[in-house]
Amino acid sequence: MLQYFEVTKKSPWLPQVKALYESAFPANERIPIKHLLDDKIKREFWAFFDKEEGENHAEVGKEIAATPMFCGFSNSITHGSITNIVYFAVVPELRSRGYGSKILQAIRRQHPNTRIVVDIEVEEDSKNAEELERRNRRREFYTRNGFDSSPVDYVWQGEHYRLLSAGGTVTEKEFRDFWKEILKDIPGAMYP
């Protein structure tokens, strides 16, 4: 059974989340993790655990207590009718086992009346066959999970992205207005 808990500066799982964040996203696609943890922007920063697949540690009564297994994390921002999943990763050893889909389902359950958007690196900009395959797999994963292409492409920190959405299309104006509003009180912040 998948469970999720908020990630804060005091969370015991912060080291696991930080390690996955740094390994799953190239440096040019990351912001300092301290910004994901601050409260200048209201984010949902969740760590996901599988209670059923945890390690058995000690017998408690007639049952064996298990430590839930860390599966991944998500970091998203909701404003108005849009939820933007900014960062999302599954532990590499657990990929292709359904955890990514379960995490997306949990996010959608929390935001049933919003359009949920994610961005992916544009396939046409792939530098080699391996990168193209990875980008195609990412697109196929989101497509299997109900995301469709949107008309929005943008460049952020030197990378070209395409927006995918579930629950309805998001226009370029809506997306830019979303980020403009989110970052309005942060001096010097750049939005897509």
N, C-alpha and C. Protein backbone atom coordinates (compact mmCIF):
# COMPACT_ATOMS: atom_id res chain seq x y z
N MET A 1 0.84 -1.18 0.00
CA MET A 1 0.00 0.00 0.00
C MET A 1 0.88 1.24 0.00
N LEU A 2 0.64 2.14 -0.94
CA LEU A 2 1.44 3.35 -1.06
C LEU A 2 0.96 4.40 -0.06
N GLN A 3 1.91 4.98 0.66
CA GLN A 3 1.64 6.05 1.60
C GLN A 3 2.52 7.23 1.23
N TYR A 4 2.10 8.43 1.60
CA TYR A 4 2.98 9.57 1.37
C TYR A 4 2.95 10.50 2.57
N PHE A 5 4.08 11.16 2.75
CA PHE A 5 4.29 12.05 3.88
C PHE A 5 4.98 13.31 3.38
N GLU A 6 4.71 14.41 4.04
CA GLU A 6 5.32 15.67 3.67
C GLU A 6 6.83 15.63 3.89
N VAL A 7 7.56 16.26 2.99
CA VAL A 7 9.01 16.39 3.14
C VAL A 7 9.27 17.78 3.71
N THR A 8 9.94 17.82 4.85
CA THR A 8 10.33 19.08 5.49
C THR A 8 11.81 19.01 5.82
N LYS A 9 12.35 20.11 6.33
CA LYS A 9 13.76 20.14 6.72
C LYS A 9 14.06 19.14 7.83
N LYS A 10 13.03 18.77 8.60
CA LYS A 10 13.22 17.85 9.73
C LYS A 10 12.80 16.42 9.44
N SER A 11 12.35 16.14 8.23
CA SER A 11 11.90 14.79 7.89
C SER A 11 13.04 13.80 7.95
N PRO A 12 12.83 12.65 8.58
CA PRO A 12 13.89 11.63 8.60
C PRO A 12 14.21 11.08 7.21
N TRP A 13 13.30 11.23 6.27
CA TRP A 13 13.52 10.73 4.91
C TRP A 13 14.12 11.78 3.98
N LEU A 14 14.41 12.97 4.50
CA LEU A 14 15.00 14.01 3.65
C LEU A 14 16.29 13.56 2.96
N PRO A 15 17.21 12.86 3.64
CA PRO A 15 18.43 12.42 2.94
C PRO A 15 18.13 11.51 1.74
N GLN A 16 17.14 10.63 1.85
CA GLN A 16 16.78 9.76 0.73
C GLN A 16 16.19 10.58 -0.42
N VAL A 17 15.33 11.52 -0.08
CA VAL A 17 14.71 12.37 -1.10
C VAL A 17 15.78 13.19 -1.80
N LYS A 18 16.68 13.79 -1.01
CA LYS A 18 17.74 14.62 -1.58
C LYS A 18 18.64 13.81 -2.51
N ALA A 19 19.02 12.61 -2.09
CA ALA A 19 19.88 11.77 -2.92
C ALA A 19 19.18 11.41 -4.24
N LEU A 20 17.90 11.08 -4.18
CA LEU A 20 17.17 10.75 -5.41
C LEU A 20 17.02 11.99 -6.29
N TYR A 21 16.72 13.12 -5.69
CA TYR A 21 16.59 14.37 -6.44
C TYR A 21 17.87 14.68 -7.20
N GLU A 22 19.00 14.56 -6.53
CA GLU A 22 20.28 14.88 -7.17
C GLU A 22 20.69 13.86 -8.22
N SER A 23 20.28 12.61 -8.06
CA SER A 23 20.65 11.61 -9.06
C SER A 23 19.68 11.57 -10.24
N ALA A 24 18.43 11.96 -10.02
CA ALA A 24 17.42 11.85 -11.07
C ALA A 24 17.38 13.05 -12.01
N PHE A 25 17.88 14.20 -11.56
CA PHE A 25 17.80 15.41 -12.38
C PHE A 25 19.18 15.98 -12.60
N PRO A 26 19.52 16.29 -13.86
CA PRO A 26 20.82 16.91 -14.14
C PRO A 26 20.90 18.27 -13.44
N ALA A 27 22.10 18.72 -13.17
CA ALA A 27 22.32 19.98 -12.44
C ALA A 27 21.58 21.15 -13.07
N ASN A 28 21.54 21.23 -14.41
CA ASN A 28 20.88 22.37 -15.05
C ASN A 28 19.36 22.34 -14.90
N GLU A 29 18.80 21.20 -14.45
CA GLU A 29 17.36 21.09 -14.28
C GLU A 29 16.94 21.20 -12.81
N ARG A 30 17.89 21.34 -11.91
CA ARG A 30 17.58 21.41 -10.48
C ARG A 30 17.70 22.83 -9.97
N ILE A 31 16.91 23.11 -8.94
CA ILE A 31 17.13 24.30 -8.14
C ILE A 31 17.63 23.79 -6.80
N PRO A 32 18.30 24.62 -6.00
CA PRO A 32 18.77 24.13 -4.70
C PRO A 32 17.62 23.56 -3.89
N ILE A 33 17.83 22.41 -3.27
CA ILE A 33 16.75 21.74 -2.54
C ILE A 33 16.19 22.61 -1.43
N LYS A 34 17.00 23.52 -0.90
CA LYS A 34 16.50 24.41 0.15
C LYS A 34 15.31 25.23 -0.35
N HIS A 35 15.28 25.53 -1.66
CA HIS A 35 14.15 26.28 -2.22
C HIS A 35 12.89 25.41 -2.33
N LEU A 36 13.08 24.10 -2.44
CA LEU A 36 11.93 23.19 -2.46
C LEU A 36 11.34 23.05 -1.06
N LEU A 37 12.15 23.37 -0.05
CA LEU A 37 11.73 23.22 1.34
C LEU A 37 11.27 24.51 1.99
N ASP A 38 11.56 25.66 1.36
CA ASP A 38 11.17 26.91 2.00
C ASP A 38 9.68 27.17 1.78
N ASP A 39 9.16 28.16 2.46
CA ASP A 39 7.73 28.42 2.38
C ASP A 39 7.39 29.67 1.57
N LYS A 40 8.33 30.16 0.77
CA LYS A 40 8.04 31.31 -0.07
C LYS A 40 7.03 30.95 -1.16
N ILE A 41 7.07 29.70 -1.59
CA ILE A 41 6.11 29.18 -2.55
C ILE A 41 5.44 27.99 -1.88
N LYS A 42 4.12 27.99 -1.86
CA LYS A 42 3.41 26.85 -1.25
C LYS A 42 3.49 25.66 -2.20
N ARG A 43 4.28 24.69 -1.77
CA ARG A 43 4.49 23.48 -2.57
C ARG A 43 3.95 22.27 -1.82
N GLU A 44 3.63 21.26 -2.56
CA GLU A 44 3.37 19.96 -1.97
C GLU A 44 4.61 19.12 -2.26
N PHE A 45 5.34 18.82 -1.23
CA PHE A 45 6.58 18.06 -1.36
C PHE A 45 6.35 16.77 -0.58
N TRP A 46 6.16 15.68 -1.31
CA TRP A 46 5.78 14.42 -0.70
C TRP A 46 6.82 13.34 -0.98
N ALA A 47 7.06 12.53 0.05
CA ALA A 47 7.87 11.31 -0.09
C ALA A 47 6.89 10.14 -0.07
N PHE A 48 7.08 9.18 -0.96
CA PHE A 48 6.18 8.04 -1.09
C PHE A 48 6.86 6.77 -0.59
N PHE A 49 6.08 5.96 0.12
CA PHE A 49 6.58 4.72 0.71
C PHE A 49 5.60 3.60 0.45
N ASP A 50 6.13 2.40 0.26
CA ASP A 50 5.30 1.21 0.11
C ASP A 50 5.36 0.45 1.43
N LYS A 51 4.25 0.46 2.12
CA LYS A 51 4.17 -0.20 3.43
C LYS A 51 4.31 -1.72 3.30
N GLU A 52 3.79 -2.27 2.22
CA GLU A 52 3.80 -3.72 2.02
C GLU A 52 5.20 -4.26 1.67
N GLU A 53 6.02 -3.45 1.04
CA GLU A 53 7.31 -3.92 0.55
C GLU A 53 8.48 -3.51 1.44
N GLY A 54 8.19 -3.02 2.64
CA GLY A 54 9.27 -2.58 3.52
C GLY A 54 10.06 -3.75 4.09
N GLU A 55 11.11 -3.40 4.79
CA GLU A 55 11.97 -4.41 5.42
C GLU A 55 11.38 -4.81 6.76
N ASN A 56 11.36 -6.12 7.03
CA ASN A 56 10.90 -6.61 8.32
C ASN A 56 12.01 -6.43 9.34
N HIS A 57 11.65 -5.87 10.49
CA HIS A 57 12.68 -5.58 11.48
C HIS A 57 12.48 -6.28 12.82
N ALA A 58 11.32 -6.21 13.37
CA ALA A 58 11.15 -6.76 14.72
C ALA A 58 9.76 -7.34 14.87
N GLU A 59 9.68 -8.36 15.66
CA GLU A 59 8.39 -8.96 15.91
C GLU A 59 7.68 -8.14 16.97
N VAL A 60 6.47 -7.74 16.67
CA VAL A 60 5.65 -6.97 17.60
C VAL A 60 4.39 -7.79 17.84
N GLY A 61 4.27 -8.36 19.03
CA GLY A 61 3.15 -9.27 19.28
C GLY A 61 3.31 -10.46 18.36
N LYS A 62 2.31 -10.73 17.55
CA LYS A 62 2.38 -11.84 16.60
C LYS A 62 2.67 -11.37 15.19
N GLU A 63 2.80 -10.05 15.02
CA GLU A 63 3.09 -9.51 13.70
C GLU A 63 4.52 -9.01 13.64
N ILE A 64 5.05 -8.96 12.45
CA ILE A 64 6.40 -8.43 12.27
C ILE A 64 6.26 -7.00 11.78
N ALA A 65 6.87 -6.08 12.50
CA ALA A 65 6.82 -4.67 12.11
C ALA A 65 7.74 -4.44 10.93
N ALA A 66 7.27 -3.68 9.98
CA ALA A 66 8.06 -3.41 8.78
C ALA A 66 8.30 -1.91 8.66
N THR A 67 9.49 -1.57 8.20
CA THR A 67 9.78 -0.18 7.86
C THR A 67 9.37 0.01 6.41
N PRO A 68 8.45 0.93 6.14
CA PRO A 68 8.02 1.11 4.75
C PRO A 68 9.20 1.43 3.82
N MET A 69 9.11 0.96 2.60
CA MET A 69 10.17 1.14 1.61
C MET A 69 9.98 2.48 0.89
N PHE A 70 11.03 3.30 0.85
CA PHE A 70 11.00 4.57 0.12
C PHE A 70 10.92 4.28 -1.37
N CYS A 71 9.94 4.89 -2.04
CA CYS A 71 9.72 4.63 -3.47
C CYS A 71 10.05 5.81 -4.37
N GLY A 72 9.83 7.03 -3.85
CA GLY A 72 10.04 8.20 -4.69
C GLY A 72 9.50 9.44 -4.04
N PHE A 73 9.46 10.52 -4.82
CA PHE A 73 8.94 11.78 -4.31
C PHE A 73 8.28 12.57 -5.43
N SER A 74 7.48 13.54 -5.01
CA SER A 74 6.92 14.51 -5.95
C SER A 74 6.98 15.88 -5.31
N ASN A 75 7.11 16.88 -6.15
CA ASN A 75 7.11 18.26 -5.71
C ASN A 75 6.22 19.01 -6.70
N SER A 76 5.11 19.54 -6.20
CA SER A 76 4.17 20.19 -7.10
C SER A 76 3.65 21.49 -6.49
N ILE A 77 3.09 22.30 -7.36
CA ILE A 77 2.52 23.59 -6.97
C ILE A 77 1.13 23.67 -7.57
N THR A 78 0.17 24.08 -6.76
CA THR A 78 -1.19 24.26 -7.24
C THR A 78 -1.58 25.72 -7.07
N HIS A 79 -2.16 26.26 -8.11
CA HIS A 79 -2.71 27.62 -8.06
C HIS A 79 -3.91 27.65 -8.99
N GLY A 80 -5.04 28.09 -8.47
CA GLY A 80 -6.24 28.13 -9.29
C GLY A 80 -6.59 26.72 -9.76
N SER A 81 -6.79 26.57 -11.04
CA SER A 81 -7.22 25.27 -11.58
C SER A 81 -6.07 24.47 -12.20
N ILE A 82 -4.83 24.82 -11.82
CA ILE A 82 -3.67 24.13 -12.38
C ILE A 82 -2.79 23.59 -11.26
N THR A 83 -2.39 22.34 -11.39
CA THR A 83 -1.37 21.74 -10.53
C THR A 83 -0.19 21.40 -11.43
N ASN A 84 0.96 21.96 -11.14
CA ASN A 84 2.17 21.69 -11.92
C ASN A 84 3.08 20.77 -11.11
N ILE A 85 3.29 19.56 -11.62
CA ILE A 85 4.25 18.65 -10.99
C ILE A 85 5.62 19.11 -11.48
N VAL A 86 6.37 19.74 -10.59
CA VAL A 86 7.64 20.35 -10.96
C VAL A 86 8.75 19.30 -10.97
N TYR A 87 8.80 18.48 -9.92
CA TYR A 87 9.78 17.40 -9.82
C TYR A 87 9.05 16.13 -9.40
N PHE A 88 9.48 15.02 -9.99
CA PHE A 88 8.84 13.74 -9.72
C PHE A 88 9.85 12.66 -10.07
N ALA A 89 10.14 11.77 -9.14
CA ALA A 89 11.11 10.71 -9.43
C ALA A 89 10.79 9.46 -8.62
N VAL A 90 11.09 8.33 -9.20
CA VAL A 90 10.96 7.02 -8.56
C VAL A 90 12.36 6.46 -8.39
N VAL A 91 12.59 5.78 -7.29
CA VAL A 91 13.88 5.15 -7.02
C VAL A 91 14.23 4.26 -8.23
N PRO A 92 15.45 4.38 -8.78
CA PRO A 92 15.80 3.65 -10.01
C PRO A 92 15.50 2.15 -9.97
N GLU A 93 15.78 1.49 -8.86
CA GLU A 93 15.56 0.04 -8.78
C GLU A 93 14.08 -0.33 -8.81
N LEU A 94 13.21 0.64 -8.59
CA LEU A 94 11.77 0.37 -8.53
C LEU A 94 11.03 0.83 -9.77
N ARG A 95 11.74 1.38 -10.74
CA ARG A 95 11.07 1.84 -11.96
C ARG A 95 10.52 0.65 -12.74
N SER A 96 9.47 0.89 -13.48
CA SER A 96 8.78 -0.14 -14.27
C SER A 96 8.07 -1.17 -13.39
N ARG A 97 7.76 -0.78 -12.15
CA ARG A 97 7.01 -1.68 -11.25
C ARG A 97 5.69 -1.05 -10.83
N GLY A 98 5.28 0.03 -11.50
CA GLY A 98 3.98 0.63 -11.23
C GLY A 98 3.97 1.75 -10.19
N TYR A 99 5.11 2.02 -9.58
CA TYR A 99 5.14 3.06 -8.54
C TYR A 99 4.89 4.45 -9.11
N GLY A 100 5.45 4.74 -10.27
CA GLY A 100 5.23 6.06 -10.87
C GLY A 100 3.76 6.31 -11.13
N SER A 101 3.06 5.31 -11.65
CA SER A 101 1.63 5.44 -11.91
C SER A 101 0.86 5.64 -10.61
N LYS A 102 1.23 4.91 -9.58
CA LYS A 102 0.56 5.05 -8.28
C LYS A 102 0.79 6.44 -7.69
N ILE A 103 1.97 6.98 -7.86
CA ILE A 103 2.26 8.33 -7.36
C ILE A 103 1.41 9.35 -8.12
N LEU A 104 1.34 9.23 -9.43
CA LEU A 104 0.50 10.15 -10.22
C LEU A 104 -0.97 10.03 -9.81
N GLN A 105 -1.43 8.82 -9.56
CA GLN A 105 -2.81 8.62 -9.12
C GLN A 105 -3.06 9.31 -7.77
N ALA A 106 -2.09 9.24 -6.87
CA ALA A 106 -2.23 9.91 -5.56
C ALA A 106 -2.33 11.42 -5.74
N ILE A 107 -1.52 11.96 -6.62
CA ILE A 107 -1.56 13.41 -6.87
C ILE A 107 -2.92 13.78 -7.49
N ARG A 108 -3.38 13.00 -8.41
CA ARG A 108 -4.67 13.29 -9.05
C ARG A 108 -5.82 13.19 -8.06
N ARG A 109 -5.75 12.23 -7.12
CA ARG A 109 -6.79 12.13 -6.09
C ARG A 109 -6.82 13.38 -5.21
N GLN A 110 -5.65 13.96 -4.96
CA GLN A 110 -5.58 15.16 -4.13
C GLN A 110 -6.06 16.40 -4.89
N HIS A 111 -6.07 16.33 -6.20
CA HIS A 111 -6.45 17.48 -7.03
C HIS A 111 -7.43 17.07 -8.13
N PRO A 112 -8.59 16.57 -7.73
CA PRO A 112 -9.52 16.04 -8.74
C PRO A 112 -10.10 17.09 -9.68
N ASN A 113 -10.09 18.34 -9.28
CA ASN A 113 -10.71 19.39 -10.09
C ASN A 113 -9.70 20.33 -10.73
N THR A 114 -8.45 19.89 -10.82
CA THR A 114 -7.45 20.73 -11.49
C THR A 114 -6.93 20.02 -12.73
N ARG A 115 -6.36 20.83 -13.60
CA ARG A 115 -5.62 20.29 -14.73
C ARG A 115 -4.19 20.09 -14.22
N ILE A 116 -3.68 18.91 -14.39
CA ILE A 116 -2.34 18.60 -13.89
C ILE A 116 -1.37 18.63 -15.06
N VAL A 117 -0.28 19.36 -14.88
CA VAL A 117 0.70 19.48 -15.95
C VAL A 117 2.07 18.99 -15.48
N VAL A 118 2.78 18.43 -16.43
CA VAL A 118 4.18 18.03 -16.24
C VAL A 118 4.93 18.50 -17.47
N ASP A 119 6.22 18.65 -17.33
CA ASP A 119 7.00 18.98 -18.52
C ASP A 119 8.02 17.88 -18.77
N ILE A 120 8.29 17.68 -20.04
CA ILE A 120 9.29 16.70 -20.44
C ILE A 120 10.26 17.39 -21.41
N GLU A 121 11.48 16.88 -21.44
CA GLU A 121 12.45 17.42 -22.40
C GLU A 121 11.98 17.03 -23.80
N VAL A 122 12.10 17.96 -24.71
CA VAL A 122 11.65 17.75 -26.09
C VAL A 122 12.52 16.68 -26.76
N GLU A 123 11.86 15.68 -27.34
CA GLU A 123 12.58 14.56 -27.94
C GLU A 123 13.47 15.00 -29.10
N GLU A 124 13.02 15.97 -29.88
CA GLU A 124 13.78 16.39 -31.06
C GLU A 124 15.15 16.96 -30.71
N ASP A 125 15.33 17.39 -29.47
CA ASP A 125 16.60 17.97 -29.04
C ASP A 125 17.57 16.95 -28.47
N SER A 126 17.24 15.68 -28.54
CA SER A 126 18.10 14.64 -27.98
C SER A 126 19.47 14.65 -28.66
N LYS A 127 20.49 14.46 -27.85
CA LYS A 127 21.87 14.50 -28.36
C LYS A 127 22.33 13.17 -28.92
N ASN A 128 21.66 12.08 -28.49
CA ASN A 128 22.06 10.76 -28.97
C ASN A 128 20.88 9.79 -28.85
N ALA A 129 21.06 8.58 -29.35
CA ALA A 129 19.98 7.59 -29.38
C ALA A 129 19.54 7.19 -27.98
N GLU A 130 20.48 7.10 -27.05
CA GLU A 130 20.14 6.72 -25.67
C GLU A 130 19.25 7.78 -25.02
N GLU A 131 19.62 9.04 -25.20
CA GLU A 131 18.82 10.12 -24.64
C GLU A 131 17.44 10.17 -25.29
N LEU A 132 17.38 9.96 -26.61
CA LEU A 132 16.09 9.94 -27.31
C LEU A 132 15.21 8.82 -26.76
N GLU A 133 15.77 7.65 -26.55
CA GLU A 133 15.00 6.53 -26.02
C GLU A 133 14.46 6.86 -24.62
N ARG A 134 15.28 7.45 -23.77
CA ARG A 134 14.88 7.82 -22.41
C ARG A 134 13.73 8.84 -22.46
N ARG A 135 13.84 9.82 -23.35
CA ARG A 135 12.80 10.85 -23.47
C ARG A 135 11.51 10.25 -24.03
N ASN A 136 11.63 9.34 -24.99
CA ASN A 136 10.44 8.68 -25.53
C ASN A 136 9.74 7.83 -24.46
N ARG A 137 10.53 7.12 -23.65
CA ARG A 137 9.95 6.31 -22.56
C ARG A 137 9.20 7.20 -21.57
N ARG A 138 9.77 8.36 -21.27
CA ARG A 138 9.13 9.29 -20.34
C ARG A 138 7.80 9.77 -20.91
N ARG A 139 7.80 10.13 -22.19
CA ARG A 139 6.54 10.58 -22.82
C ARG A 139 5.51 9.44 -22.80
N GLU A 140 5.93 8.24 -23.16
CA GLU A 140 5.01 7.09 -23.18
C GLU A 140 4.44 6.81 -21.79
N PHE A 141 5.26 6.95 -20.75
CA PHE A 141 4.80 6.76 -19.38
C PHE A 141 3.67 7.74 -19.07
N TYR A 142 3.88 9.00 -19.37
CA TYR A 142 2.85 10.00 -19.08
C TYR A 142 1.61 9.78 -19.93
N THR A 143 1.79 9.39 -21.19
CA THR A 143 0.65 9.12 -22.06
C THR A 143 -0.18 7.97 -21.51
N ARG A 144 0.47 6.90 -21.06
CA ARG A 144 -0.24 5.77 -20.44
C ARG A 144 -1.01 6.20 -19.20
N ASN A 145 -0.57 7.26 -18.57
CA ASN A 145 -1.20 7.74 -17.34
C ASN A 145 -2.15 8.91 -17.57
N GLY A 146 -2.61 9.06 -18.81
CA GLY A 146 -3.66 10.02 -19.10
C GLY A 146 -3.23 11.42 -19.45
N PHE A 147 -1.95 11.63 -19.72
CA PHE A 147 -1.47 12.96 -20.10
C PHE A 147 -1.43 13.07 -21.61
N ASP A 148 -1.80 14.25 -22.10
CA ASP A 148 -1.80 14.54 -23.53
C ASP A 148 -0.84 15.69 -23.81
N SER A 149 -0.38 15.78 -25.06
CA SER A 149 0.45 16.91 -25.46
C SER A 149 -0.34 18.19 -25.33
N SER A 150 0.36 19.25 -25.04
CA SER A 150 -0.27 20.56 -24.99
C SER A 150 0.47 21.45 -25.99
N PRO A 151 -0.07 22.62 -26.28
CA PRO A 151 0.58 23.49 -27.25
C PRO A 151 1.74 24.30 -26.65
N VAL A 152 2.13 23.98 -25.44
CA VAL A 152 3.11 24.80 -24.74
C VAL A 152 4.51 24.17 -24.79
N ASP A 153 5.45 24.90 -25.35
CA ASP A 153 6.88 24.58 -25.31
C ASP A 153 7.56 25.79 -24.67
N TYR A 154 8.63 25.55 -23.93
CA TYR A 154 9.37 26.67 -23.36
C TYR A 154 10.80 26.24 -23.06
N VAL A 155 11.66 27.22 -22.86
CA VAL A 155 13.06 26.97 -22.50
C VAL A 155 13.26 27.50 -21.09
N TRP A 156 13.85 26.66 -20.24
CA TRP A 156 14.16 27.06 -18.87
C TRP A 156 15.55 26.51 -18.53
N GLN A 157 16.42 27.37 -18.06
CA GLN A 157 17.79 27.02 -17.69
C GLN A 157 18.50 26.24 -18.79
N GLY A 158 18.28 26.67 -20.02
CA GLY A 158 18.99 26.08 -21.16
C GLY A 158 18.41 24.79 -21.70
N GLU A 159 17.30 24.33 -21.15
CA GLU A 159 16.69 23.08 -21.62
C GLU A 159 15.33 23.39 -22.25
N HIS A 160 15.02 22.71 -23.35
CA HIS A 160 13.76 22.89 -24.08
C HIS A 160 12.75 21.87 -23.58
N TYR A 161 11.59 22.36 -23.09
CA TYR A 161 10.56 21.49 -22.53
C TYR A 161 9.26 21.59 -23.30
N ARG A 162 8.49 20.52 -23.19
CA ARG A 162 7.13 20.48 -23.73
C ARG A 162 6.21 20.11 -22.58
N LEU A 163 5.08 20.80 -22.50
CA LEU A 163 4.12 20.56 -21.44
C LEU A 163 3.16 19.46 -21.84
N LEU A 164 2.86 18.57 -20.91
CA LEU A 164 1.82 17.56 -21.06
C LEU A 164 0.78 17.84 -19.98
N SER A 165 -0.49 17.54 -20.27
CA SER A 165 -1.51 17.83 -19.27
C SER A 165 -2.53 16.70 -19.18
N ALA A 166 -3.12 16.58 -17.99
CA ALA A 166 -4.20 15.62 -17.73
C ALA A 166 -5.35 16.41 -17.12
N GLY A 167 -6.57 16.06 -17.52
CA GLY A 167 -7.74 16.77 -16.99
C GLY A 167 -8.11 18.00 -17.78
N GLY A 168 -7.50 18.18 -18.93
CA GLY A 168 -7.79 19.33 -19.79
C GLY A 168 -6.52 20.03 -20.23
N THR A 169 -6.64 20.76 -21.32
CA THR A 169 -5.49 21.46 -21.89
C THR A 169 -5.21 22.75 -21.12
N VAL A 170 -3.95 23.11 -21.06
CA VAL A 170 -3.51 24.37 -20.47
C VAL A 170 -2.88 25.18 -21.60
N THR A 171 -3.34 26.41 -21.77
CA THR A 171 -2.80 27.25 -22.84
C THR A 171 -1.47 27.87 -22.38
N GLU A 172 -0.74 28.39 -23.36
CA GLU A 172 0.53 29.03 -23.03
C GLU A 172 0.30 30.23 -22.12
N LYS A 173 -0.72 31.02 -22.36
CA LYS A 173 -1.02 32.17 -21.51
C LYS A 173 -1.33 31.72 -20.08
N GLU A 174 -2.15 30.68 -19.93
CA GLU A 174 -2.48 30.17 -18.59
C GLU A 174 -1.23 29.71 -17.86
N PHE A 175 -0.36 29.01 -18.59
CA PHE A 175 0.87 28.49 -17.97
C PHE A 175 1.78 29.64 -17.54
N ARG A 176 1.96 30.62 -18.39
CA ARG A 176 2.81 31.77 -18.05
C ARG A 176 2.19 32.60 -16.92
N ASP A 177 0.87 32.78 -16.95
CA ASP A 177 0.19 33.50 -15.87
C ASP A 177 0.31 32.75 -14.54
N PHE A 178 0.23 31.43 -14.60
CA PHE A 178 0.40 30.58 -13.41
C PHE A 178 1.74 30.89 -12.76
N TRP A 179 2.83 30.81 -13.55
CA TRP A 179 4.16 31.03 -13.00
C TRP A 179 4.39 32.49 -12.60
N LYS A 180 3.83 33.39 -13.34
CA LYS A 180 3.95 34.80 -12.99
C LYS A 180 3.36 35.05 -11.60
N GLU A 181 2.20 34.46 -11.35
CA GLU A 181 1.54 34.61 -10.05
C GLU A 181 2.33 33.91 -8.94
N ILE A 182 2.80 32.71 -9.20
CA ILE A 182 3.54 31.93 -8.19
C ILE A 182 4.80 32.68 -7.77
N LEU A 183 5.49 33.27 -8.74
CA LEU A 183 6.81 33.88 -8.46
C LEU A 183 6.77 35.38 -8.24
N LYS A 184 5.58 35.96 -8.16
CA LYS A 184 5.47 37.42 -8.08
C LYS A 184 6.18 38.05 -6.88
N ASP A 185 6.27 37.34 -5.77
CA ASP A 185 6.88 37.90 -4.56
C ASP A 185 8.33 37.48 -4.36
N ILE A 186 8.92 36.86 -5.38
CA ILE A 186 10.30 36.41 -5.27
C ILE A 186 11.16 37.22 -6.22
N PRO A 187 11.90 38.19 -5.68
CA PRO A 187 12.72 39.07 -6.54
C PRO A 187 13.70 38.28 -7.39
N GLY A 188 13.76 38.62 -8.67
CA GLY A 188 14.73 38.02 -9.58
C GLY A 188 14.35 36.63 -10.07
N ALA A 189 13.22 36.07 -9.61
CA ALA A 189 12.82 34.72 -10.03
C ALA A 189 12.43 34.76 -11.50
N MET A 190 12.88 33.75 -12.23
CA MET A 190 12.56 33.64 -13.66
C MET A 190 11.46 32.59 -13.83
N TYR A 191 10.49 32.89 -14.64
CA TYR A 191 9.45 31.91 -14.92
C TYR A 191 9.52 31.53 -16.39
N PRO A 192 8.98 30.36 -16.70
CA PRO A 192 9.05 29.87 -18.08
C PRO A 192 8.38 30.79 -19.08
